[in-house]
Amino acid sequence: MHRLTGPGLSAFDRHTQSQRSYALLSSQLSTTQITNLHSQLSSFRTALSSFAQTHRDRIAKDPAFRHQFQKMCASIGVDPLAGPRRGGWWAELVGMGDWSYELGVQIVDVCVSTRERNGGVIEMDELIRVVSKLRGLDKGEDITEEDIIRSIKTLEPLGAGYQVVDVGGKKFVRSVVKELDQDQAIILALARGQDGRVIEGDLVEKHGWTRERARVALENMLLRDGMCWIDAQDANGDVYWVPSAMRWD
């Protein structure tokens, strides 16, 4: 009869010892890797700090340079808008966080002050124009659409419904919680191409709506949502004006 007990225990001991050796090696490698990673991050932060000090003013004033800066951040996985609780030391170094928060406050100011006449929906170009005027920007210090979009992201924690929406290939900023329904989007797109002017017949002729559907949709925008005005004295009958599709000085 063969005796298997001895060789079996010996093999088990060798296997256990090998596992311990591998575990020790793995621990040593992990410690080395972590040390190297901390060293790389330290060097990375030093380089970013130098970049921030050198280009801080240009980032704030030059929209083209700011765009390239934001692309660079995205490529290395850094969020320039992150606050301190999210590891946003980069924002603190470059001042981008404060700049975006300030712009966000001005966006709110414009949206709230115009909400009574446009129902809480303002065209992106109009918002940029009014905010730029509010900031008193010189030529070459333009606010871009990308700046507006990124700053609106900083408003998300407010839960106030600020959102960029696309209507007929044109961007609008919505500052109310209520979503635009399909009929409202169609009316808004139509109004944009007609300097804000819409009548029931336009919707019947260009979109094949029934008179009843056109009337109800326009009245809802007027009475329920406050997104348009009505001129009942026009020679062609009731004319609805959509302020968010009009240019205001």
C-alpha atoms as a PDB file:
ATOM      1  CA  MET A   1       0.000   0.000   0.000  1.00  0.00           C
ATOM      2  CA  HIS A   2       1.296   3.450  -0.966  1.00  0.00           C
ATOM      3  CA  ARG A   3       1.525   6.144   1.723  1.00  0.00           C
ATOM      4  CA  LEU A   4       0.098   9.457   0.409  1.00  0.00           C
ATOM      5  CA  THR A   5      -0.124  11.347   3.672  1.00  0.00           C
ATOM      6  CA  GLY A   6       3.483  12.588   3.848  1.00  0.00           C
ATOM      7  CA  PRO A   7       3.890  13.835   0.294  1.00  0.00           C
ATOM      8  CA  GLY A   8       0.392  15.384   0.445  1.00  0.00           C
ATOM      9  CA  LEU A   9       1.151  17.432   3.544  1.00  0.00           C
ATOM     10  CA  SER A  10       4.504  18.465   2.148  1.00  0.00           C
ATOM     11  CA  ALA A  11       2.870  19.697  -1.077  1.00  0.00           C
ATOM     12  CA  PHE A  12       0.261  21.587   0.940  1.00  0.00           C
ATOM     13  CA  ASP A  13       2.996  23.272   2.992  1.00  0.00           C
ATOM     14  CA  ARG A  14       4.845  24.298  -0.178  1.00  0.00           C
ATOM     15  CA  HIS A  15       1.619  25.667  -1.661  1.00  0.00           C
ATOM     16  CA  THR A  16       0.878  27.660   1.514  1.00  0.00           C
ATOM     17  CA  GLN A  17       4.398  29.068   1.556  1.00  0.00           C
ATOM     18  CA  SER A  18       4.099  30.072  -2.110  1.00  0.00           C
ATOM     19  CA  GLN A  19       0.837  31.881  -1.406  1.00  0.00           C
ATOM     20  CA  ARG A  20       2.478  33.798   1.440  1.00  0.00           C
ATOM     21  CA  SER A  21       5.388  34.736  -0.795  1.00  0.00           C
ATOM     22  CA  TYR A  22       3.065  35.944  -3.558  1.00  0.00           C
ATOM     23  CA  ALA A  23       1.005  37.943  -1.051  1.00  0.00           C
ATOM     24  CA  LEU A  24       4.161  39.590   0.325  1.00  0.00           C
ATOM     25  CA  LEU A  25       5.403  40.397  -3.179  1.00  0.00           C
ATOM     26  CA  SER A  26       2.016  41.796  -4.143  1.00  0.00           C
ATOM     27  CA  SER A  27       1.980  43.985  -1.041  1.00  0.00           C
ATOM     28  CA  GLN A  28       5.475  45.277  -1.790  1.00  0.00           C
ATOM     29  CA  LEU A  29       4.528  46.028  -5.406  1.00  0.00           C
ATOM     30  CA  SER A  30       1.325  47.827  -4.335  1.00  0.00           C
ATOM     31  CA  THR A  31       3.254  49.956  -1.840  1.00  0.00           C
ATOM     32  CA  THR A  32       5.806  50.877  -4.508  1.00  0.00           C
ATOM     33  CA  GLN A  33       3.090  51.692  -7.031  1.00  0.00           C
ATOM     34  CA  ILE A  34       1.211  53.878  -4.551  1.00  0.00           C
ATOM     35  CA  THR A  35       4.404  55.718  -3.655  1.00  0.00           C
ATOM     36  CA  ASN A  36       5.156  56.307  -7.349  1.00  0.00           C
ATOM     37  CA  LEU A  37       1.574  57.454  -7.941  1.00  0.00           C
ATOM     38  CA  HIS A  38       1.745  59.985  -5.110  1.00  0.00           C
ATOM     39  CA  SER A  39       5.016  61.265  -6.526  1.00  0.00           C
ATOM     40  CA  GLN A  40       3.496  61.627 -10.007  1.00  0.00           C
ATOM     41  CA  LEU A  41       0.419  63.408  -8.652  1.00  0.00           C
ATOM     42  CA  SER A  42       2.607  65.789  -6.703  1.00  0.00           C
ATOM     43  CA  SER A  43       4.580  66.635  -9.853  1.00  0.00           C
ATOM     44  CA  PHE A  44       1.339  66.953 -11.812  1.00  0.00           C
ATOM     45  CA  ARG A  45      -0.139  69.354  -9.273  1.00  0.00           C
ATOM     46  CA  THR A  46       3.030  71.454  -9.280  1.00  0.00           C
ATOM     47  CA  ALA A  47       2.882  71.718 -13.067  1.00  0.00           C
ATOM     48  CA  LEU A  48      -0.809  72.678 -12.987  1.00  0.00           C
ATOM     49  CA  SER A  49      -0.150  75.275 -10.307  1.00  0.00           C
ATOM     50  CA  SER A  50       2.517  76.847 -12.485  1.00  0.00           C
ATOM     51  CA  PHE A  51       0.158  76.796 -15.476  1.00  0.00           C
ATOM     52  CA  ALA A  52      -2.625  78.407 -13.440  1.00  0.00           C
ATOM     53  CA  GLN A  53      -0.415  81.219 -12.182  1.00  0.00           C
ATOM     54  CA  THR A  54       0.879  81.916 -15.671  1.00  0.00           C
ATOM     55  CA  HIS A  55      -2.405  81.807 -17.607  1.00  0.00           C
ATOM     56  CA  ARG A  56      -5.116  82.654 -15.063  1.00  0.00           C
ATOM     57  CA  ASP A  57      -6.030  86.045 -16.544  1.00  0.00           C
ATOM     58  CA  ARG A  58      -5.955  84.747 -20.095  1.00  0.00           C
ATOM     59  CA  ILE A  59      -8.295  81.866 -19.215  1.00  0.00           C
ATOM     60  CA  ALA A  60     -10.810  84.339 -17.820  1.00  0.00           C
ATOM     61  CA  LYS A  61     -10.598  86.857 -20.674  1.00  0.00           C
ATOM     62  CA  ASP A  62      -9.822  84.881 -23.850  1.00  0.00           C
ATOM     63  CA  PRO A  63     -12.745  82.637 -24.937  1.00  0.00           C
ATOM     64  CA  ALA A  64     -10.642  80.687 -27.482  1.00  0.00           C
ATOM     65  CA  PHE A  65      -7.920  79.981 -24.918  1.00  0.00           C
ATOM     66  CA  ARG A  66     -10.562  79.092 -22.327  1.00  0.00           C
ATOM     67  CA  HIS A  67     -12.097  76.586 -24.734  1.00  0.00           C
ATOM     68  CA  GLN A  68      -8.721  74.916 -25.310  1.00  0.00           C
ATOM     69  CA  PHE A  69      -8.100  74.879 -21.561  1.00  0.00           C
ATOM     70  CA  GLN A  70     -11.420  73.114 -20.970  1.00  0.00           C
ATOM     71  CA  LYS A  71     -10.610  70.560 -23.687  1.00  0.00           C
ATOM     72  CA  MET A  72      -7.255  69.912 -22.023  1.00  0.00           C
ATOM     73  CA  CYS A  73      -8.983  69.378 -18.672  1.00  0.00           C
ATOM     74  CA  ALA A  74     -11.444  66.929 -20.229  1.00  0.00           C
ATOM     75  CA  SER A  75      -8.635  64.958 -21.879  1.00  0.00           C
ATOM     76  CA  ILE A  76      -6.874  64.366 -18.532  1.00  0.00           C
ATOM     77  CA  GLY A  77     -10.065  63.794 -16.558  1.00  0.00           C
ATOM     78  CA  VAL A  78      -9.947  67.014 -14.534  1.00  0.00           C
ATOM     79  CA  ASP A  79     -13.147  68.949 -13.870  1.00  0.00           C
ATOM     80  CA  PRO A  80     -12.297  72.679 -13.679  1.00  0.00           C
ATOM     81  CA  LEU A  81     -15.647  73.366 -12.018  1.00  0.00           C
ATOM     82  CA  ALA A  82     -15.309  70.833  -9.218  1.00  0.00           C
ATOM     83  CA  GLY A  83     -15.541  72.345  -5.748  1.00  0.00           C
ATOM     84  CA  PRO A  84     -13.222  71.528  -2.830  1.00  0.00           C
ATOM     85  CA  ARG A  85     -15.445  68.659  -1.677  1.00  0.00           C
ATOM     86  CA  ARG A  86     -15.011  67.001  -5.064  1.00  0.00           C
ATOM     87  CA  GLY A  87     -11.263  67.434  -5.169  1.00  0.00           C
ATOM     88  CA  GLY A  88     -11.494  70.674  -7.098  1.00  0.00           C
ATOM     89  CA  TRP A  89      -8.143  72.094  -6.078  1.00  0.00           C
ATOM     90  CA  TRP A  90      -7.545  72.785  -9.791  1.00  0.00           C
ATOM     91  CA  ALA A  91     -10.516  75.157  -9.762  1.00  0.00           C
ATOM     92  CA  GLU A  92      -9.029  76.953  -6.766  1.00  0.00           C
ATOM     93  CA  LEU A  93      -5.654  77.299  -8.449  1.00  0.00           C
ATOM     94  CA  VAL A  94      -6.919  78.654 -11.745  1.00  0.00           C
ATOM     95  CA  GLY A  95      -9.923  80.564 -10.410  1.00  0.00           C
ATOM     96  CA  MET A  96     -12.171  78.881 -12.984  1.00  0.00           C
ATOM     97  CA  GLY A  97     -14.642  77.768 -10.349  1.00  0.00           C
ATOM     98  CA  ASP A  98     -15.209  81.285  -9.015  1.00  0.00           C
ATOM     99  CA  TRP A  99     -15.454  82.634 -12.572  1.00  0.00           C
ATOM    100  CA  SER A 100     -18.114  80.062 -13.519  1.00  0.00           C
ATOM    101  CA  TYR A 101     -20.082  80.564 -10.301  1.00  0.00           C
ATOM    102  CA  GLU A 102     -20.089  84.327 -10.891  1.00  0.00           C
ATOM    103  CA  LEU A 103     -21.324  83.764 -14.451  1.00  0.00           C
ATOM    104  CA  GLY A 104     -23.959  81.366 -13.106  1.00  0.00           C
ATOM    105  CA  VAL A 105     -25.283  84.057 -10.756  1.00  0.00           C
ATOM    106  CA  GLN A 106     -25.527  86.493 -13.672  1.00  0.00           C
ATOM    107  CA  ILE A 107     -27.363  83.888 -15.760  1.00  0.00           C
ATOM    108  CA  VAL A 108     -29.889  83.518 -12.942  1.00  0.00           C
ATOM    109  CA  ASP A 109     -30.205  87.302 -12.729  1.00  0.00           C
ATOM    110  CA  VAL A 110     -31.043  87.591 -16.443  1.00  0.00           C
ATOM    111  CA  CYS A 111     -33.363  84.560 -16.503  1.00  0.00           C
ATOM    112  CA  VAL A 112     -35.332  85.714 -13.451  1.00  0.00           C
ATOM    113  CA  SER A 113     -35.601  89.330 -14.618  1.00  0.00           C
ATOM    114  CA  THR A 114     -36.923  88.265 -18.061  1.00  0.00           C
ATOM    115  CA  ARG A 115     -39.143  85.390 -16.884  1.00  0.00           C
ATOM    116  CA  GLU A 116     -42.256  87.557 -16.645  1.00  0.00           C
ATOM    117  CA  ARG A 117     -42.173  88.317 -20.355  1.00  0.00           C
ATOM    118  CA  ASN A 118     -40.765  85.077 -21.798  1.00  0.00           C
ATOM    119  CA  GLY A 119     -42.251  82.456 -19.479  1.00  0.00           C
ATOM    120  CA  GLY A 120     -38.838  81.189 -18.361  1.00  0.00           C
ATOM    121  CA  VAL A 121     -37.441  80.299 -21.800  1.00  0.00           C
ATOM    122  CA  ILE A 122     -34.778  82.541 -23.344  1.00  0.00           C
ATOM    123  CA  GLU A 123     -32.827  82.044 -26.551  1.00  0.00           C
ATOM    124  CA  MET A 124     -29.139  81.278 -25.997  1.00  0.00           C
ATOM    125  CA  ASP A 125     -27.914  84.133 -28.220  1.00  0.00           C
ATOM    126  CA  GLU A 126     -30.147  86.587 -26.368  1.00  0.00           C
ATOM    127  CA  LEU A 127     -28.909  85.346 -22.995  1.00  0.00           C
ATOM    128  CA  ILE A 128     -25.281  85.679 -24.069  1.00  0.00           C
ATOM    129  CA  ARG A 129     -25.905  89.203 -25.358  1.00  0.00           C
ATOM    130  CA  VAL A 130     -27.619  90.368 -22.164  1.00  0.00           C
ATOM    131  CA  VAL A 131     -25.079  88.700 -19.842  1.00  0.00           C
ATOM    132  CA  SER A 132     -22.177  90.206 -21.809  1.00  0.00           C
ATOM    133  CA  LYS A 133     -23.782  93.625 -21.473  1.00  0.00           C
ATOM    134  CA  LEU A 134     -24.318  93.025 -17.755  1.00  0.00           C
ATOM    135  CA  ARG A 135     -20.636  92.120 -17.323  1.00  0.00           C
ATOM    136  CA  GLY A 136     -19.559  95.185 -19.304  1.00  0.00           C
ATOM    137  CA  LEU A 137     -17.200  93.075 -21.394  1.00  0.00           C
ATOM    138  CA  ASP A 138     -14.754  94.641 -23.801  1.00  0.00           C
ATOM    139  CA  LYS A 139     -14.374  93.317 -27.323  1.00  0.00           C
ATOM    140  CA  GLY A 140     -12.392  90.074 -27.287  1.00  0.00           C
ATOM    141  CA  GLU A 141     -13.680  89.045 -23.856  1.00  0.00           C
ATOM    142  CA  ASP A 142     -16.846  87.425 -25.186  1.00  0.00           C
ATOM    143  CA  ILE A 143     -18.922  84.913 -23.257  1.00  0.00           C
ATOM    144  CA  THR A 144     -19.406  81.793 -25.352  1.00  0.00           C
ATOM    145  CA  GLU A 145     -22.199  79.257 -25.582  1.00  0.00           C
ATOM    146  CA  GLU A 146     -19.886  76.705 -23.981  1.00  0.00           C
ATOM    147  CA  ASP A 147     -19.315  79.065 -21.029  1.00  0.00           C
ATOM    148  CA  ILE A 148     -23.074  79.337 -20.497  1.00  0.00           C
ATOM    149  CA  ILE A 149     -23.577  75.562 -20.694  1.00  0.00           C
ATOM    150  CA  ARG A 150     -20.786  74.826 -18.216  1.00  0.00           C
ATOM    151  CA  SER A 151     -21.963  77.493 -15.773  1.00  0.00           C
ATOM    152  CA  ILE A 152     -25.526  76.191 -15.896  1.00  0.00           C
ATOM    153  CA  LYS A 153     -24.132  72.867 -14.669  1.00  0.00           C
ATOM    154  CA  THR A 154     -23.065  74.659 -11.485  1.00  0.00           C
ATOM    155  CA  LEU A 155     -26.739  75.587 -10.937  1.00  0.00           C
ATOM    156  CA  GLU A 156     -27.967  71.974 -10.915  1.00  0.00           C
ATOM    157  CA  PRO A 157     -27.785  71.642  -7.093  1.00  0.00           C
ATOM    158  CA  LEU A 158     -30.334  74.470  -6.830  1.00  0.00           C
ATOM    159  CA  GLY A 159     -32.977  72.214  -8.385  1.00  0.00           C
ATOM    160  CA  ALA A 160     -34.519  75.255 -10.095  1.00  0.00           C
ATOM    161  CA  GLY A 161     -34.847  73.595 -13.498  1.00  0.00           C
ATOM    162  CA  TYR A 162     -32.121  75.505 -15.357  1.00  0.00           C
ATOM    163  CA  GLN A 163     -31.410  73.543 -18.513  1.00  0.00           C
ATOM    164  CA  VAL A 164     -30.272  74.024 -22.105  1.00  0.00           C
ATOM    165  CA  VAL A 165     -32.821  72.732 -24.612  1.00  0.00           C
ATOM    166  CA  ASP A 166     -32.624  72.410 -28.388  1.00  0.00           C
ATOM    167  CA  VAL A 167     -35.631  73.633 -30.354  1.00  0.00           C
ATOM    168  CA  GLY A 168     -35.488  73.388 -34.124  1.00  0.00           C
ATOM    169  CA  GLY A 169     -31.693  73.401 -34.135  1.00  0.00           C
ATOM    170  CA  LYS A 170     -31.520  76.480 -31.907  1.00  0.00           C
ATOM    171  CA  LYS A 171     -30.530  76.412 -28.245  1.00  0.00           C
ATOM    172  CA  PHE A 172     -32.669  77.955 -25.524  1.00  0.00           C
ATOM    173  CA  VAL A 173     -32.160  78.139 -21.761  1.00  0.00           C
ATOM    174  CA  ARG A 174     -35.128  77.064 -19.668  1.00  0.00           C
ATOM    175  CA  SER A 175     -35.243  78.458 -16.143  1.00  0.00           C
ATOM    176  CA  VAL A 176     -38.420  76.778 -14.909  1.00  0.00           C
ATOM    177  CA  VAL A 177     -38.876  73.209 -13.742  1.00  0.00           C
ATOM    178  CA  LYS A 178     -41.670  72.456 -16.233  1.00  0.00           C
ATOM    179  CA  GLU A 179     -40.590  70.587 -19.382  1.00  0.00           C
ATOM    180  CA  LEU A 180     -41.460  71.894 -22.845  1.00  0.00           C
ATOM    181  CA  ASP A 181     -44.046  69.646 -24.485  1.00  0.00           C
ATOM    182  CA  GLN A 182     -43.953  68.777 -28.183  1.00  0.00           C
ATOM    183  CA  ASP A 183     -46.547  71.376 -29.215  1.00  0.00           C
ATOM    184  CA  GLN A 184     -44.707  74.139 -27.354  1.00  0.00           C
ATOM    185  CA  ALA A 185     -41.437  73.176 -29.038  1.00  0.00           C
ATOM    186  CA  ILE A 186     -43.081  73.359 -32.475  1.00  0.00           C
ATOM    187  CA  ILE A 187     -44.634  76.764 -31.737  1.00  0.00           C
ATOM    188  CA  LEU A 188     -41.339  78.072 -30.374  1.00  0.00           C
ATOM    189  CA  ALA A 189     -39.445  76.905 -33.471  1.00  0.00           C
ATOM    190  CA  LEU A 190     -42.057  78.466 -35.748  1.00  0.00           C
ATOM    191  CA  ALA A 191     -41.996  81.753 -33.833  1.00  0.00           C
ATOM    192  CA  ARG A 192     -38.222  81.930 -34.039  1.00  0.00           C
ATOM    193  CA  GLY A 193     -38.434  82.036 -37.831  1.00  0.00           C
ATOM    194  CA  GLN A 194     -41.111  84.738 -37.772  1.00  0.00           C
ATOM    195  CA  ASP A 195     -39.628  87.240 -35.300  1.00  0.00           C
ATOM    196  CA  GLY A 196     -41.801  85.836 -32.522  1.00  0.00           C
ATOM    197  CA  ARG A 197     -45.154  86.151 -34.354  1.00  0.00           C
ATOM    198  CA  VAL A 198     -47.539  83.168 -34.593  1.00  0.00           C
ATOM    199  CA  ILE A 199     -51.190  82.792 -35.585  1.00  0.00           C
ATOM    200  CA  GLU A 200     -53.393  79.712 -35.619  1.00  0.00           C
ATOM    201  CA  GLY A 201     -53.319  79.608 -39.407  1.00  0.00           C
ATOM    202  CA  ASP A 202     -49.523  79.204 -39.421  1.00  0.00           C
ATOM    203  CA  LEU A 203     -49.783  75.961 -37.449  1.00  0.00           C
ATOM    204  CA  VAL A 204     -52.660  74.678 -39.596  1.00  0.00           C
ATOM    205  CA  GLU A 205     -50.890  75.486 -42.861  1.00  0.00           C
ATOM    206  CA  LYS A 206     -47.294  74.565 -42.027  1.00  0.00           C
ATOM    207  CA  HIS A 207     -47.807  71.643 -39.627  1.00  0.00           C
ATOM    208  CA  GLY A 208     -51.199  70.256 -40.591  1.00  0.00           C
ATOM    209  CA  TRP A 209     -52.761  70.909 -37.195  1.00  0.00           C
ATOM    210  CA  THR A 210     -56.480  71.277 -36.705  1.00  0.00           C
ATOM    211  CA  ARG A 211     -57.777  74.698 -35.699  1.00  0.00           C
ATOM    212  CA  GLU A 212     -58.755  73.311 -32.321  1.00  0.00           C
ATOM    213  CA  ARG A 213     -55.271  71.926 -31.598  1.00  0.00           C
ATOM    214  CA  ALA A 214     -53.612  75.197 -32.634  1.00  0.00           C
ATOM    215  CA  ARG A 215     -55.995  77.274 -30.521  1.00  0.00           C
ATOM    216  CA  VAL A 216     -55.591  75.090 -27.409  1.00  0.00           C
ATOM    217  CA  ALA A 217     -51.786  74.968 -27.698  1.00  0.00           C
ATOM    218  CA  LEU A 218     -51.488  78.726 -28.092  1.00  0.00           C
ATOM    219  CA  GLU A 219     -53.946  79.427 -25.275  1.00  0.00           C
ATOM    220  CA  ASN A 220     -52.034  77.059 -22.978  1.00  0.00           C
ATOM    221  CA  MET A 221     -48.806  78.916 -23.719  1.00  0.00           C
ATOM    222  CA  LEU A 222     -50.612  82.200 -23.038  1.00  0.00           C
ATOM    223  CA  LEU A 223     -52.752  81.448 -20.003  1.00  0.00           C
ATOM    224  CA  ARG A 224     -51.168  78.419 -18.348  1.00  0.00           C
ATOM    225  CA  ASP A 225     -47.460  78.915 -19.015  1.00  0.00           C
ATOM    226  CA  GLY A 226     -47.111  82.657 -19.627  1.00  0.00           C
ATOM    227  CA  MET A 227     -44.806  82.019 -22.576  1.00  0.00           C
ATOM    228  CA  CYS A 228     -46.505  84.342 -25.058  1.00  0.00           C
ATOM    229  CA  TRP A 229     -48.604  87.478 -25.402  1.00  0.00           C
ATOM    230  CA  ILE A 230     -51.717  88.065 -27.496  1.00  0.00           C
ATOM    231  CA  ASP A 231     -52.586  90.976 -29.754  1.00  0.00           C
ATOM    232  CA  ALA A 232     -56.360  90.849 -30.244  1.00  0.00           C
ATOM    233  CA  GLN A 233     -56.437  94.044 -32.284  1.00  0.00           C
ATOM    234  CA  ASP A 234     -54.398  92.861 -35.278  1.00  0.00           C
ATOM    235  CA  ALA A 235     -56.157  93.122 -38.648  1.00  0.00           C
ATOM    236  CA  ASN A 236     -55.619  89.389 -39.227  1.00  0.00           C
ATOM    237  CA  GLY A 237     -57.263  88.386 -35.942  1.00  0.00           C
ATOM    238  CA  ASP A 238     -55.562  87.134 -32.779  1.00  0.00           C
ATOM    239  CA  VAL A 239     -51.782  87.226 -33.081  1.00  0.00           C
ATOM    240  CA  TYR A 240     -49.586  85.510 -30.487  1.00  0.00           C
ATOM    241  CA  TRP A 241     -46.142  86.914 -29.769  1.00  0.00           C
ATOM    242  CA  VAL A 242     -43.488  84.642 -28.225  1.00  0.00           C
ATOM    243  CA  PRO A 243     -40.954  86.898 -26.401  1.00  0.00           C
ATOM    244  CA  SER A 244     -38.269  84.195 -26.142  1.00  0.00           C
ATOM    245  CA  ALA A 245     -38.134  84.154 -29.964  1.00  0.00           C
ATOM    246  CA  MET A 246     -37.797  87.946 -30.186  1.00  0.00           C
ATOM    247  CA  ARG A 247     -34.706  90.134 -29.904  1.00  0.00           C
ATOM    248  CA  TRP A 248     -34.747  92.579 -27.007  1.00  0.00           C
ATOM    249  CA  ASP A 249     -32.569  95.661 -26.561  1.00  0.00           C
END
